[in-house]
Amino acid sequence: KEGERILAKIKEQEYVFALAINGKNPSSEDFAATLDKLQTSGKSQFVFVIGGSLGLSDQVLKRSNAQISFGKMTYPHQLMRLILVEQIYRAFRINTGGPYHK
């Protein structure tokens, strides 16, 4: 049911990143480069899906355009949201040459 609710909110034109424990584990620089490449190729609407305690449904994983992981550790949903927002911010700072990234 959770997967159906998630899919109902995703629009066709949106690029979907599923946060999945078995996804690719990019560096901050690789993640920044991916976002930059997508934006350059006309993708401007990104959706990041964080699963619940049972993970993501197969349907959500199939709908995703990419699966990324922040490691094998498990984080509380609220903390993962914060980590994700920080990495998105870091990616944009990297792509604009800002001083945030160390």
C-alpha atoms as a PDB file:
ATOM      1  CA  LYS A   1       0.000   0.000   0.000  1.00  0.00           C
ATOM      2  CA  GLU A   2       2.855   2.380   0.802  1.00  0.00           C
ATOM      3  CA  GLY A   3       4.306   1.820  -2.672  1.00  0.00           C
ATOM      4  CA  GLU A   4       0.975   2.614  -4.311  1.00  0.00           C
ATOM      5  CA  ARG A   5       0.693   5.862  -2.324  1.00  0.00           C
ATOM      6  CA  ILE A   6       4.221   6.846  -3.304  1.00  0.00           C
ATOM      7  CA  LEU A   7       3.668   6.088  -6.999  1.00  0.00           C
ATOM      8  CA  ALA A   8       0.418   8.083  -7.001  1.00  0.00           C
ATOM      9  CA  LYS A   9       2.422  11.221  -6.120  1.00  0.00           C
ATOM     10  CA  ILE A  10       5.128  10.819  -8.788  1.00  0.00           C
ATOM     11  CA  LYS A  11       4.582  12.582 -12.108  1.00  0.00           C
ATOM     12  CA  GLU A  12       5.693  11.055 -15.396  1.00  0.00           C
ATOM     13  CA  GLN A  13       8.285  13.758 -16.151  1.00  0.00           C
ATOM     14  CA  GLU A  14       9.982  13.526 -12.754  1.00  0.00           C
ATOM     15  CA  TYR A  15      13.368  11.860 -12.392  1.00  0.00           C
ATOM     16  CA  VAL A  16      13.162   9.507  -9.440  1.00  0.00           C
ATOM     17  CA  PHE A  17      16.011   8.634  -7.113  1.00  0.00           C
ATOM     18  CA  ALA A  18      15.111   5.745  -4.839  1.00  0.00           C
ATOM     19  CA  LEU A  19      17.177   5.543  -1.680  1.00  0.00           C
ATOM     20  CA  ALA A  20      17.876   1.826  -1.516  1.00  0.00           C
ATOM     21  CA  ILE A  21      20.425  -0.031   0.555  1.00  0.00           C
ATOM     22  CA  ASN A  22      21.597  -1.908  -2.556  1.00  0.00           C
ATOM     23  CA  GLY A  23      21.805   1.220  -4.693  1.00  0.00           C
ATOM     24  CA  LYS A  24      24.993   2.848  -5.931  1.00  0.00           C
ATOM     25  CA  ASN A  25      26.984   4.619  -3.238  1.00  0.00           C
ATOM     26  CA  PRO A  26      28.262   7.764  -4.984  1.00  0.00           C
ATOM     27  CA  SER A  27      30.744  10.244  -3.595  1.00  0.00           C
ATOM     28  CA  SER A  28      29.497  13.796  -3.103  1.00  0.00           C
ATOM     29  CA  GLU A  29      31.359  14.790  -6.282  1.00  0.00           C
ATOM     30  CA  ASP A  30      29.777  11.942  -8.276  1.00  0.00           C
ATOM     31  CA  PHE A  31      26.320  12.839  -6.986  1.00  0.00           C
ATOM     32  CA  ALA A  32      26.904  16.483  -7.925  1.00  0.00           C
ATOM     33  CA  ALA A  33      28.056  15.462 -11.406  1.00  0.00           C
ATOM     34  CA  THR A  34      24.954  13.291 -11.860  1.00  0.00           C
ATOM     35  CA  LEU A  35      22.615  16.156 -10.944  1.00  0.00           C
ATOM     36  CA  ASP A  36      24.538  18.531 -13.210  1.00  0.00           C
ATOM     37  CA  LYS A  37      24.394  16.112 -16.143  1.00  0.00           C
ATOM     38  CA  LEU A  38      20.664  15.554 -15.663  1.00  0.00           C
ATOM     39  CA  GLN A  39      19.974  19.284 -15.523  1.00  0.00           C
ATOM     40  CA  THR A  40      22.088  19.882 -18.615  1.00  0.00           C
ATOM     41  CA  SER A  41      20.083  17.225 -20.461  1.00  0.00           C
ATOM     42  CA  GLY A  42      16.768  18.885 -19.571  1.00  0.00           C
ATOM     43  CA  LYS A  43      15.758  17.114 -16.376  1.00  0.00           C
ATOM     44  CA  SER A  44      14.696  19.664 -13.798  1.00  0.00           C
ATOM     45  CA  GLN A  45      12.248  17.835 -11.585  1.00  0.00           C
ATOM     46  CA  PHE A  46      13.788  15.384  -9.145  1.00  0.00           C
ATOM     47  CA  VAL A  47      12.028  13.158  -6.645  1.00  0.00           C
ATOM     48  CA  PHE A  48      13.882  11.402  -3.855  1.00  0.00           C
ATOM     49  CA  VAL A  49      12.027   8.465  -2.319  1.00  0.00           C
ATOM     50  CA  ILE A  50      12.977   7.264   1.147  1.00  0.00           C
ATOM     51  CA  GLY A  51      11.382   3.992   2.116  1.00  0.00           C
ATOM     52  CA  GLY A  52       9.863   3.076   5.413  1.00  0.00           C
ATOM     53  CA  SER A  53      11.154   0.440   7.814  1.00  0.00           C
ATOM     54  CA  LEU A  54      10.336  -2.317   5.316  1.00  0.00           C
ATOM     55  CA  GLY A  55      12.154  -0.639   2.423  1.00  0.00           C
ATOM     56  CA  LEU A  56      10.634   0.248  -0.923  1.00  0.00           C
ATOM     57  CA  SER A  57       8.217  -1.852  -2.931  1.00  0.00           C
ATOM     58  CA  ASP A  58       9.364  -3.506  -6.143  1.00  0.00           C
ATOM     59  CA  GLN A  59       7.021  -1.209  -8.088  1.00  0.00           C
ATOM     60  CA  VAL A  60       8.683   1.908  -6.678  1.00  0.00           C
ATOM     61  CA  LEU A  61      12.145   0.514  -7.385  1.00  0.00           C
ATOM     62  CA  LYS A  62      11.107  -0.287 -10.965  1.00  0.00           C
ATOM     63  CA  ARG A  63       9.741   3.249 -11.435  1.00  0.00           C
ATOM     64  CA  SER A  64      12.932   4.819 -10.151  1.00  0.00           C
ATOM     65  CA  ASN A  65      15.454   6.124 -12.646  1.00  0.00           C
ATOM     66  CA  ALA A  66      18.336   5.587 -10.238  1.00  0.00           C
ATOM     67  CA  GLN A  67      18.893   3.876  -6.929  1.00  0.00           C
ATOM     68  CA  ILE A  68      21.361   5.432  -4.532  1.00  0.00           C
ATOM     69  CA  SER A  69      22.600   4.452  -1.114  1.00  0.00           C
ATOM     70  CA  PHE A  70      24.238   6.338   1.709  1.00  0.00           C
ATOM     71  CA  GLY A  71      25.849   3.163   3.009  1.00  0.00           C
ATOM     72  CA  LYS A  72      24.770  -0.095   4.569  1.00  0.00           C
ATOM     73  CA  MET A  73      23.742   1.488   7.853  1.00  0.00           C
ATOM     74  CA  THR A  74      20.090   2.063   8.679  1.00  0.00           C
ATOM     75  CA  TYR A  75      18.988   5.580   9.642  1.00  0.00           C
ATOM     76  CA  PRO A  76      15.721   6.886  11.080  1.00  0.00           C
ATOM     77  CA  HIS A  77      13.529   8.375   8.351  1.00  0.00           C
ATOM     78  CA  GLN A  78      13.781  11.916   9.732  1.00  0.00           C
ATOM     79  CA  LEU A  79      17.577  11.758   9.970  1.00  0.00           C
ATOM     80  CA  MET A  80      17.859  10.394   6.423  1.00  0.00           C
ATOM     81  CA  ARG A  81      15.839  13.358   5.176  1.00  0.00           C
ATOM     82  CA  LEU A  82      18.343  15.714   6.798  1.00  0.00           C
ATOM     83  CA  ILE A  83      21.333  13.823   5.374  1.00  0.00           C
ATOM     84  CA  LEU A  84      19.749  13.851   1.914  1.00  0.00           C
ATOM     85  CA  VAL A  85      18.997  17.592   2.016  1.00  0.00           C
ATOM     86  CA  GLU A  86      22.569  18.281   3.089  1.00  0.00           C
ATOM     87  CA  GLN A  87      23.947  16.206   0.202  1.00  0.00           C
ATOM     88  CA  ILE A  88      21.695  17.954  -2.321  1.00  0.00           C
ATOM     89  CA  TYR A  89      22.858  21.327  -0.977  1.00  0.00           C
ATOM     90  CA  ARG A  90      26.475  20.144  -1.106  1.00  0.00           C
ATOM     91  CA  ALA A  91      25.992  18.979  -4.720  1.00  0.00           C
ATOM     92  CA  PHE A  92      24.718  22.390  -5.788  1.00  0.00           C
ATOM     93  CA  ARG A  93      27.607  24.107  -4.003  1.00  0.00           C
ATOM     94  CA  ILE A  94      30.071  21.797  -5.773  1.00  0.00           C
ATOM     95  CA  ASN A  95      28.434  22.497  -9.136  1.00  0.00           C
ATOM     96  CA  THR A  96      28.540  26.269  -8.628  1.00  0.00           C
ATOM     97  CA  GLY A  97      32.066  26.310  -7.251  1.00  0.00           C
ATOM     98  CA  GLY A  98      30.895  27.495  -3.845  1.00  0.00           C
ATOM     99  CA  PRO A  99      33.065  27.314  -0.745  1.00  0.00           C
ATOM    100  CA  TYR A 100      30.830  24.945   1.231  1.00  0.00           C
ATOM    101  CA  HIS A 101      32.284  21.685  -0.036  1.00  0.00           C
ATOM    102  CA  LYS A 102      35.479  20.573   1.716  1.00  0.00           C
END
